[in-house]
Structures are given as C-alpha cells and as structure tokens.
Amino acid sequence: NSLLAVSGVGMLSAALCVQYIVRKFDISEMLNAGACGILGK
C-alpha cells in the first residue's frame, strides 16, 4: 500500500512530481528521503 516516486533534481521537478502523485493516487502520508550536504559542524 505504498508508492515510491523519483522526482528528478530540483525544487520544480519535486513540486511537479508531488502535484502529480497526490492528484493521481490517494496519498495520506509522504516522506522525502535522500542525500544532503552538511553546512556546518
């Protein structure tokens, strides 16, 4: 009962992907997972 979507890089791609899956599927919970850069210590 889960989906996994690959949005593409960037805020616009991610925003469009979310619009697409939320409108097409009955999404009740969402997780954004992935890599990040460390800025400090």
All heavy atoms as atom14 arrays in JSON, in Angstrom:
{
  "sequence": "NSLLAVSGVGMLSAALCVQYIVRKFDISEMLNAGACGILGK",
  "atom14_mask": [
    [1, 1, 1, 1, 1, 1, 1, 1, 0, 0, 0, 0, 0, 0],
    [1, 1, 1, 1, 1, 1, 0, 0, 0, 0, 0, 0, 0, 0],
    [1, 1, 1, 1, 1, 1, 1, 1, 0, 0, 0, 0, 0, 0],
    [1, 1, 1, 1, 1, 1, 1, 1, 0, 0, 0, 0, 0, 0],
    [1, 1, 1, 1, 1, 0, 0, 0, 0, 0, 0, 0, 0, 0],
    [1, 1, 1, 1, 1, 1, 1, 0, 0, 0, 0, 0, 0, 0],
    [1, 1, 1, 1, 1, 1, 0, 0, 0, 0, 0, 0, 0, 0],
    [1, 1, 1, 1, 0, 0, 0, 0, 0, 0, 0, 0, 0, 0],
    [1, 1, 1, 1, 1, 1, 1, 0, 0, 0, 0, 0, 0, 0],
    [1, 1, 1, 1, 0, 0, 0, 0, 0, 0, 0, 0, 0, 0],
    [1, 1, 1, 1, 1, 1, 1, 1, 0, 0, 0, 0, 0, 0],
    [1, 1, 1, 1, 1, 1, 1, 1, 0, 0, 0, 0, 0, 0],
    [1, 1, 1, 1, 1, 1, 0, 0, 0, 0, 0, 0, 0, 0],
    [1, 1, 1, 1, 1, 0, 0, 0, 0, 0, 0, 0, 0, 0],
    [1, 1, 1, 1, 1, 0, 0, 0, 0, 0, 0, 0, 0, 0],
    [1, 1, 1, 1, 1, 1, 1, 1, 0, 0, 0, 0, 0, 0],
    [1, 1, 1, 1, 1, 1, 0, 0, 0, 0, 0, 0, 0, 0],
    [1, 1, 1, 1, 1, 1, 1, 0, 0, 0, 0, 0, 0, 0],
    [1, 1, 1, 1, 1, 1, 1, 1, 1, 0, 0, 0, 0, 0],
    [1, 1, 1, 1, 1, 1, 1, 1, 1, 1, 1, 1, 0, 0],
    [1, 1, 1, 1, 1, 1, 1, 1, 0, 0, 0, 0, 0, 0],
    [1, 1, 1, 1, 1, 1, 1, 0, 0, 0, 0, 0, 0, 0],
    [1, 1, 1, 1, 1, 1, 1, 1, 1, 1, 1, 0, 0, 0],
    [1, 1, 1, 1, 1, 1, 1, 1, 1, 0, 0, 0, 0, 0],
    [1, 1, 1, 1, 1, 1, 1, 1, 1, 1, 1, 0, 0, 0],
    [1, 1, 1, 1, 1, 1, 1, 1, 0, 0, 0, 0, 0, 0],
    [1, 1, 1, 1, 1, 1, 1, 1, 0, 0, 0, 0, 0, 0],
    [1, 1, 1, 1, 1, 1, 0, 0, 0, 0, 0, 0, 0, 0],
    [1, 1, 1, 1, 1, 1, 1, 1, 1, 0, 0, 0, 0, 0],
    [1, 1, 1, 1, 1, 1, 1, 1, 0, 0, 0, 0, 0, 0],
    [1, 1, 1, 1, 1, 1, 1, 1, 0, 0, 0, 0, 0, 0],
    [1, 1, 1, 1, 1, 1, 1, 1, 0, 0, 0, 0, 0, 0],
    [1, 1, 1, 1, 1, 0, 0, 0, 0, 0, 0, 0, 0, 0],
    [1, 1, 1, 1, 0, 0, 0, 0, 0, 0, 0, 0, 0, 0],
    [1, 1, 1, 1, 1, 0, 0, 0, 0, 0, 0, 0, 0, 0],
    [1, 1, 1, 1, 1, 1, 0, 0, 0, 0, 0, 0, 0, 0],
    [1, 1, 1, 1, 0, 0, 0, 0, 0, 0, 0, 0, 0, 0],
    [1, 1, 1, 1, 1, 1, 1, 1, 0, 0, 0, 0, 0, 0],
    [1, 1, 1, 1, 1, 1, 1, 1, 0, 0, 0, 0, 0, 0],
    [1, 1, 1, 1, 0, 0, 0, 0, 0, 0, 0, 0, 0, 0],
    [1, 1, 1, 1, 1, 1, 1, 1, 1, 0, 0, 0, 0, 0]
  ],
  "atom14_positions": [
    [[0.83, -1.2, 0.0], [0.0, 0.0, 0.0], [0.87, 1.26, 0.0], [0.56, 2.24, 0.66], [-0.94, 0.0, 1.22], [-2.03, 1.04, 1.1], [-2.48, 1.35, 0.0], [-2.45, 1.58, 2.22], [0.0, 0.0, 0.0], [0.0, 0.0, 0.0], [0.0, 0.0, 0.0], [0.0, 0.0, 0.0], [0.0, 0.0, 0.0], [0.0, 0.0, 0.0]],
    [[1.99, 1.2, -0.75], [2.93, 2.31, -0.78], [3.39, 2.61, -2.19], [3.42, 1.72, -3.05], [4.17, 1.98, 0.06], [3.83, 1.73, 1.39], [0.0, 0.0, 0.0], [0.0, 0.0, 0.0], [0.0, 0.0, 0.0], [0.0, 0.0, 0.0], [0.0, 0.0, 0.0], [0.0, 0.0, 0.0], [0.0, 0.0, 0.0], [0.0, 0.0, 0.0]],
    [[3.76, 3.87, -2.39], [4.35, 4.31, -3.65], [5.75, 4.83, -3.39], [6.05, 5.31, -2.29], [3.56, 5.46, -4.27], [2.22, 5.19, -4.9], [1.63, 6.49, -5.41], [2.33, 4.19, -6.01], [0.0, 0.0, 0.0], [0.0, 0.0, 0.0], [0.0, 0.0, 0.0], [0.0, 0.0, 0.0], [0.0, 0.0, 0.0], [0.0, 0.0, 0.0]],
    [[6.58, 4.78, -4.4], [7.87, 5.43, -4.39], [7.96, 6.18, -5.7], [7.68, 5.61, -6.76], [9.0, 4.41, -4.27], [10.42, 4.97, -4.17], [11.29, 4.04, -3.34], [11.03, 5.22, -5.52], [0.0, 0.0, 0.0], [0.0, 0.0, 0.0], [0.0, 0.0, 0.0], [0.0, 0.0, 0.0], [0.0, 0.0, 0.0], [0.0, 0.0, 0.0]],
    [[8.29, 7.46, -5.65], [8.41, 8.26, -6.86], [9.8, 8.87, -6.94], [10.38, 9.26, -5.93], [7.36, 9.37, -6.87], [0.0, 0.0, 0.0], [0.0, 0.0, 0.0], [0.0, 0.0, 0.0], [0.0, 0.0, 0.0], [0.0, 0.0, 0.0], [0.0, 0.0, 0.0], [0.0, 0.0, 0.0], [0.0, 0.0, 0.0], [0.0, 0.0, 0.0]],
    [[10.32, 8.93, -8.16], [11.59, 9.58, -8.43], [11.26, 10.87, -9.16], [10.78, 10.85, -10.29], [12.52, 8.69, -9.27], [13.82, 9.39, -9.58], [12.77, 7.36, -8.55], [0.0, 0.0, 0.0], [0.0, 0.0, 0.0], [0.0, 0.0, 0.0], [0.0, 0.0, 0.0], [0.0, 0.0, 0.0], [0.0, 0.0, 0.0], [0.0, 0.0, 0.0]],
    [[11.5, 11.99, -8.5], [11.04, 13.29, -9.0], [11.95, 13.92, -10.04], [11.49, 14.68, -10.88], [10.9, 14.27, -7.83], [12.16, 14.59, -7.27], [0.0, 0.0, 0.0], [0.0, 0.0, 0.0], [0.0, 0.0, 0.0], [0.0, 0.0, 0.0], [0.0, 0.0, 0.0], [0.0, 0.0, 0.0], [0.0, 0.0, 0.0], [0.0, 0.0, 0.0]],
    [[13.23, 13.66, -9.94], [14.21, 14.44, -10.69], [14.78, 15.49, -9.75], [14.22, 15.78, -8.7], [0.0, 0.0, 0.0], [0.0, 0.0, 0.0], [0.0, 0.0, 0.0], [0.0, 0.0, 0.0], [0.0, 0.0, 0.0], [0.0, 0.0, 0.0], [0.0, 0.0, 0.0], [0.0, 0.0, 0.0], [0.0, 0.0, 0.0], [0.0, 0.0, 0.0]],
    [[15.91, 16.06, -10.14], [16.63, 17.0, -9.29], [16.01, 18.39, -9.37], [15.64, 18.86, -10.43], [18.12, 17.06, -9.7], [18.87, 18.12, -8.92], [18.77, 15.7, -9.51], [0.0, 0.0, 0.0], [0.0, 0.0, 0.0], [0.0, 0.0, 0.0], [0.0, 0.0, 0.0], [0.0, 0.0, 0.0], [0.0, 0.0, 0.0], [0.0, 0.0, 0.0]],
    [[15.91, 19.04, -8.22], [15.48, 20.43, -8.15], [14.1, 20.62, -7.57], [13.27, 19.71, -7.56], [0.0, 0.0, 0.0], [0.0, 0.0, 0.0], [0.0, 0.0, 0.0], [0.0, 0.0, 0.0], [0.0, 0.0, 0.0], [0.0, 0.0, 0.0], [0.0, 0.0, 0.0], [0.0, 0.0, 0.0], [0.0, 0.0, 0.0], [0.0, 0.0, 0.0]],
    [[13.87, 21.84, -7.06], [12.58, 22.15, -6.42], [11.42, 22.06, -7.39], [10.35, 21.58, -7.03], [12.64, 23.53, -5.78], [13.43, 23.56, -4.49], [13.28, 25.12, -3.59], [14.53, 26.09, -4.41], [0.0, 0.0, 0.0], [0.0, 0.0, 0.0], [0.0, 0.0, 0.0], [0.0, 0.0, 0.0], [0.0, 0.0, 0.0], [0.0, 0.0, 0.0]],
    [[11.6, 22.53, -8.62], [10.5, 22.49, -9.59], [10.11, 21.05, -9.92], [8.93, 20.7, -9.89], [10.86, 23.26, -10.86], [9.79, 23.26, -11.94], [8.48, 23.86, -11.43], [10.28, 23.99, -13.17], [0.0, 0.0, 0.0], [0.0, 0.0, 0.0], [0.0, 0.0, 0.0], [0.0, 0.0, 0.0], [0.0, 0.0, 0.0], [0.0, 0.0, 0.0]],
    [[11.08, 20.22, -10.22], [10.79, 18.81, -10.52], [10.1, 18.13, -9.36], [9.13, 17.39, -9.53], [12.08, 18.05, -10.86], [12.63, 18.52, -12.05], [0.0, 0.0, 0.0], [0.0, 0.0, 0.0], [0.0, 0.0, 0.0], [0.0, 0.0, 0.0], [0.0, 0.0, 0.0], [0.0, 0.0, 0.0], [0.0, 0.0, 0.0], [0.0, 0.0, 0.0]],
    [[10.59, 18.38, -8.15], [9.99, 17.77, -6.96], [8.56, 18.26, -6.75], [7.67, 17.47, -6.44], [10.85, 18.08, -5.73], [0.0, 0.0, 0.0], [0.0, 0.0, 0.0], [0.0, 0.0, 0.0], [0.0, 0.0, 0.0], [0.0, 0.0, 0.0], [0.0, 0.0, 0.0], [0.0, 0.0, 0.0], [0.0, 0.0, 0.0], [0.0, 0.0, 0.0]],
    [[8.33, 19.55, -6.92], [6.98, 20.11, -6.76], [6.01, 19.53, -7.78], [4.88, 19.18, -7.44], [7.03, 21.63, -6.87], [0.0, 0.0, 0.0], [0.0, 0.0, 0.0], [0.0, 0.0, 0.0], [0.0, 0.0, 0.0], [0.0, 0.0, 0.0], [0.0, 0.0, 0.0], [0.0, 0.0, 0.0], [0.0, 0.0, 0.0], [0.0, 0.0, 0.0]],
    [[6.45, 19.42, -9.02], [5.58, 18.86, -10.07], [5.28, 17.38, -9.81], [4.16, 16.92, -10.01], [6.22, 19.05, -11.44], [6.27, 20.48, -11.93], [7.11, 20.57, -13.2], [4.89, 21.05, -12.15], [0.0, 0.0, 0.0], [0.0, 0.0, 0.0], [0.0, 0.0, 0.0], [0.0, 0.0, 0.0], [0.0, 0.0, 0.0], [0.0, 0.0, 0.0]],
    [[6.29, 16.64, -9.36], [6.09, 15.22, -9.05], [5.05, 15.05, -7.94], [4.15, 14.21, -8.04], [7.42, 14.59, -8.65], [7.31, 12.84, -8.25], [0.0, 0.0, 0.0], [0.0, 0.0, 0.0], [0.0, 0.0, 0.0], [0.0, 0.0, 0.0], [0.0, 0.0, 0.0], [0.0, 0.0, 0.0], [0.0, 0.0, 0.0], [0.0, 0.0, 0.0]],
    [[5.16, 15.87, -6.91], [4.21, 15.79, -5.8], [2.8, 16.13, -6.28], [1.84, 15.45, -5.93], [4.67, 16.72, -4.65], [3.56, 16.95, -3.65], [5.87, 16.11, -3.97], [0.0, 0.0, 0.0], [0.0, 0.0, 0.0], [0.0, 0.0, 0.0], [0.0, 0.0, 0.0], [0.0, 0.0, 0.0], [0.0, 0.0, 0.0], [0.0, 0.0, 0.0]],
    [[2.67, 17.18, -7.07], [1.36, 17.53, -7.63], [0.78, 16.33, -8.38], [-0.39, 15.98, -8.23], [1.47, 18.72, -8.59], [1.77, 20.03, -7.93], [0.55, 20.7, -7.34], [-0.54, 20.59, -7.87], [0.74, 21.37, -6.23], [0.0, 0.0, 0.0], [0.0, 0.0, 0.0], [0.0, 0.0, 0.0], [0.0, 0.0, 0.0], [0.0, 0.0, 0.0]],
    [[1.61, 15.71, -9.18], [1.18, 14.57, -10.0], [0.71, 13.39, -9.14], [-0.39, 12.88, -9.34], [2.32, 14.16, -10.93], [2.0, 12.98, -11.8], [1.16, 13.1, -12.89], [2.52, 11.72, -11.51], [0.85, 12.02, -13.69], [2.22, 10.63, -12.3], [1.39, 10.78, -13.39], [1.09, 9.7, -14.17], [0.0, 0.0, 0.0], [0.0, 0.0, 0.0]],
    [[1.54, 12.97, -8.19], [1.17, 11.76, -7.45], [0.02, 12.01, -6.47], [-0.81, 11.13, -6.26], [2.37, 11.07, -6.76], [2.95, 11.92, -5.66], [3.4, 10.63, -7.77], [3.91, 11.17, -4.75], [0.0, 0.0, 0.0], [0.0, 0.0, 0.0], [0.0, 0.0, 0.0], [0.0, 0.0, 0.0], [0.0, 0.0, 0.0], [0.0, 0.0, 0.0]],
    [[-0.03, 13.19, -5.87], [-1.12, 13.47, -4.93], [-2.46, 13.52, -5.67], [-3.48, 13.05, -5.17], [-0.86, 14.77, -4.12], [-2.1, 15.22, -3.37], [0.3, 14.55, -3.15], [0.0, 0.0, 0.0], [0.0, 0.0, 0.0], [0.0, 0.0, 0.0], [0.0, 0.0, 0.0], [0.0, 0.0, 0.0], [0.0, 0.0, 0.0], [0.0, 0.0, 0.0]],
    [[-2.46, 14.07, -6.86], [-3.7, 14.14, -7.64], [-4.1, 12.79, -8.24], [-5.28, 12.52, -8.39], [-3.57, 15.19, -8.74], [-3.6, 16.6, -8.17], [-3.61, 17.64, -9.25], [-3.92, 18.94, -8.66], [-3.27, 20.03, -8.94], [-2.26, 20.02, -9.78], [-3.62, 21.17, -8.37], [0.0, 0.0, 0.0], [0.0, 0.0, 0.0], [0.0, 0.0, 0.0]],
    [[-3.13, 11.95, -8.58], [-3.43, 10.68, -9.24], [-3.7, 9.53, -8.24], [-4.49, 8.65, -8.52], [-2.28, 10.29, -10.16], [-2.57, 9.04, -10.94], [-1.67, 8.85, -12.11], [-2.11, 7.59, -12.85], [-1.48, 7.41, -14.1], [0.0, 0.0, 0.0], [0.0, 0.0, 0.0], [0.0, 0.0, 0.0], [0.0, 0.0, 0.0], [0.0, 0.0, 0.0]],
    [[-3.04, 9.58, -7.1], [-3.15, 8.49, -6.12], [-3.71, 9.04, -4.81], [-3.63, 10.21, -4.54], [-1.77, 7.85, -5.89], [-1.13, 7.33, -7.13], [-0.18, 8.09, -7.81], [-1.47, 6.09, -7.64], [0.42, 7.62, -8.97], [-0.88, 5.6, -8.8], [0.07, 6.37, -9.47], [0.0, 0.0, 0.0], [0.0, 0.0, 0.0], [0.0, 0.0, 0.0]],
    [[-4.23, 8.18, -4.01], [-4.8, 8.57, -2.72], [-3.69, 8.56, -1.67], [-3.52, 7.6, -0.92], [-5.93, 7.61, -2.34], [-6.63, 8.01, -1.06], [-6.61, 9.21, -0.72], [-7.18, 7.12, -0.39], [0.0, 0.0, 0.0], [0.0, 0.0, 0.0], [0.0, 0.0, 0.0], [0.0, 0.0, 0.0], [0.0, 0.0, 0.0], [0.0, 0.0, 0.0]],
    [[-2.93, 9.65, -1.61], [-1.76, 9.74, -0.72], [-2.2, 10.33, 0.62], [-2.76, 11.41, 0.68], [-0.65, 10.62, -1.34], [-0.27, 10.13, -2.74], [0.55, 10.7, -0.41], [0.3, 8.74, -2.79], [0.0, 0.0, 0.0], [0.0, 0.0, 0.0], [0.0, 0.0, 0.0], [0.0, 0.0, 0.0], [0.0, 0.0, 0.0], [0.0, 0.0, 0.0]],
    [[-1.9, 9.6, 1.69], [-2.26, 10.09, 3.02], [-1.03, 10.52, 3.83], [-1.14, 11.35, 4.73], [-3.02, 9.01, 3.8], [-2.22, 7.85, 3.91], [0.0, 0.0, 0.0], [0.0, 0.0, 0.0], [0.0, 0.0, 0.0], [0.0, 0.0, 0.0], [0.0, 0.0, 0.0], [0.0, 0.0, 0.0], [0.0, 0.0, 0.0], [0.0, 0.0, 0.0]],
    [[0.14, 9.94, 3.52], [1.38, 10.28, 4.2], [2.51, 10.33, 3.18], [2.49, 9.58, 2.2], [1.75, 9.25, 5.26], [0.81, 9.18, 6.44], [1.26, 8.11, 7.42], [2.36, 8.27, 8.0], [0.54, 7.13, 7.58], [0.0, 0.0, 0.0], [0.0, 0.0, 0.0], [0.0, 0.0, 0.0], [0.0, 0.0, 0.0], [0.0, 0.0, 0.0]],
    [[3.48, 11.21, 3.43], [4.59, 11.35, 2.48], [5.91, 11.52, 3.22], [5.97, 12.19, 4.25], [4.35, 12.54, 1.56], [5.33, 12.63, 0.42], [4.92, 13.94, -0.76], [3.39, 13.31, -1.43], [0.0, 0.0, 0.0], [0.0, 0.0, 0.0], [0.0, 0.0, 0.0], [0.0, 0.0, 0.0], [0.0, 0.0, 0.0], [0.0, 0.0, 0.0]],
    [[6.94, 10.91, 2.64], [8.31, 11.02, 3.14], [9.2, 11.49, 2.01], [9.15, 10.94, 0.91], [8.81, 9.65, 3.63], [10.29, 9.56, 4.01], [10.56, 10.31, 5.31], [10.74, 8.12, 4.11], [0.0, 0.0, 0.0], [0.0, 0.0, 0.0], [0.0, 0.0, 0.0], [0.0, 0.0, 0.0], [0.0, 0.0, 0.0], [0.0, 0.0, 0.0]],
    [[10.01, 12.5, 2.26], [11.07, 12.88, 1.33], [12.36, 12.33, 1.92], [12.74, 12.7, 3.03], [11.13, 14.4, 1.18], [12.37, 14.85, 0.42], [13.1, 15.7, 0.88], [12.62, 14.27, -0.74], [0.0, 0.0, 0.0], [0.0, 0.0, 0.0], [0.0, 0.0, 0.0], [0.0, 0.0, 0.0], [0.0, 0.0, 0.0], [0.0, 0.0, 0.0]],
    [[13.0, 11.45, 1.17], [14.25, 10.84, 1.63], [15.32, 11.05, 0.57], [15.02, 11.12, -0.62], [14.04, 9.35, 1.89], [0.0, 0.0, 0.0], [0.0, 0.0, 0.0], [0.0, 0.0, 0.0], [0.0, 0.0, 0.0], [0.0, 0.0, 0.0], [0.0, 0.0, 0.0], [0.0, 0.0, 0.0], [0.0, 0.0, 0.0], [0.0, 0.0, 0.0]],
    [[16.56, 11.15, 1.02], [17.64, 11.29, 0.06], [18.88, 11.89, 0.68], [19.02, 11.97, 1.89], [0.0, 0.0, 0.0], [0.0, 0.0, 0.0], [0.0, 0.0, 0.0], [0.0, 0.0, 0.0], [0.0, 0.0, 0.0], [0.0, 0.0, 0.0], [0.0, 0.0, 0.0], [0.0, 0.0, 0.0], [0.0, 0.0, 0.0], [0.0, 0.0, 0.0]],
    [[19.76, 12.34, -0.2], [21.05, 12.87, 0.22], [20.97, 14.36, 0.5], [20.1, 15.06, -0.02], [22.09, 12.61, -0.87], [0.0, 0.0, 0.0], [0.0, 0.0, 0.0], [0.0, 0.0, 0.0], [0.0, 0.0, 0.0], [0.0, 0.0, 0.0], [0.0, 0.0, 0.0], [0.0, 0.0, 0.0], [0.0, 0.0, 0.0], [0.0, 0.0, 0.0]],
    [[21.9, 14.82, 1.33], [22.01, 16.26, 1.62], [23.48, 16.59, 1.89], [24.28, 15.71, 2.17], [21.15, 16.66, 2.82], [21.76, 16.07, 4.41], [0.0, 0.0, 0.0], [0.0, 0.0, 0.0], [0.0, 0.0, 0.0], [0.0, 0.0, 0.0], [0.0, 0.0, 0.0], [0.0, 0.0, 0.0], [0.0, 0.0, 0.0], [0.0, 0.0, 0.0]],
    [[23.77, 17.88, 1.8], [25.1, 18.35, 2.13], [25.12, 18.88, 3.55], [24.13, 19.42, 4.04], [0.0, 0.0, 0.0], [0.0, 0.0, 0.0], [0.0, 0.0, 0.0], [0.0, 0.0, 0.0], [0.0, 0.0, 0.0], [0.0, 0.0, 0.0], [0.0, 0.0, 0.0], [0.0, 0.0, 0.0], [0.0, 0.0, 0.0], [0.0, 0.0, 0.0]],
    [[26.25, 18.73, 4.2], [26.46, 19.27, 5.55], [26.96, 20.71, 5.39], [27.9, 20.96, 4.63], [27.5, 18.45, 6.33], [27.05, 16.99, 6.48], [27.76, 19.07, 7.7], [28.13, 16.07, 7.02], [0.0, 0.0, 0.0], [0.0, 0.0, 0.0], [0.0, 0.0, 0.0], [0.0, 0.0, 0.0], [0.0, 0.0, 0.0], [0.0, 0.0, 0.0]],
    [[26.34, 21.63, 6.12], [26.75, 23.03, 6.02], [27.67, 23.47, 7.15], [28.47, 24.37, 6.97], [25.51, 23.93, 6.0], [24.63, 23.78, 4.77], [23.37, 24.59, 4.93], [25.38, 24.15, 3.51], [0.0, 0.0, 0.0], [0.0, 0.0, 0.0], [0.0, 0.0, 0.0], [0.0, 0.0, 0.0], [0.0, 0.0, 0.0], [0.0, 0.0, 0.0]],
    [[27.54, 22.88, 8.29], [28.33, 23.3, 9.44], [29.11, 22.15, 10.03], [29.7, 21.34, 9.32], [0.0, 0.0, 0.0], [0.0, 0.0, 0.0], [0.0, 0.0, 0.0], [0.0, 0.0, 0.0], [0.0, 0.0, 0.0], [0.0, 0.0, 0.0], [0.0, 0.0, 0.0], [0.0, 0.0, 0.0], [0.0, 0.0, 0.0], [0.0, 0.0, 0.0]],
    [[29.03, 22.03, 11.32], [29.79, 21.01, 12.03], [28.9, 19.9, 12.58], [29.34, 19.08, 13.36], [30.58, 21.66, 13.16], [31.6, 22.67, 12.68], [32.39, 23.22, 13.84], [33.31, 24.34, 13.52], [34.12, 24.32, 12.41], [0.0, 0.0, 0.0], [0.0, 0.0, 0.0], [0.0, 0.0, 0.0], [0.0, 0.0, 0.0], [0.0, 0.0, 0.0]]
  ]
}
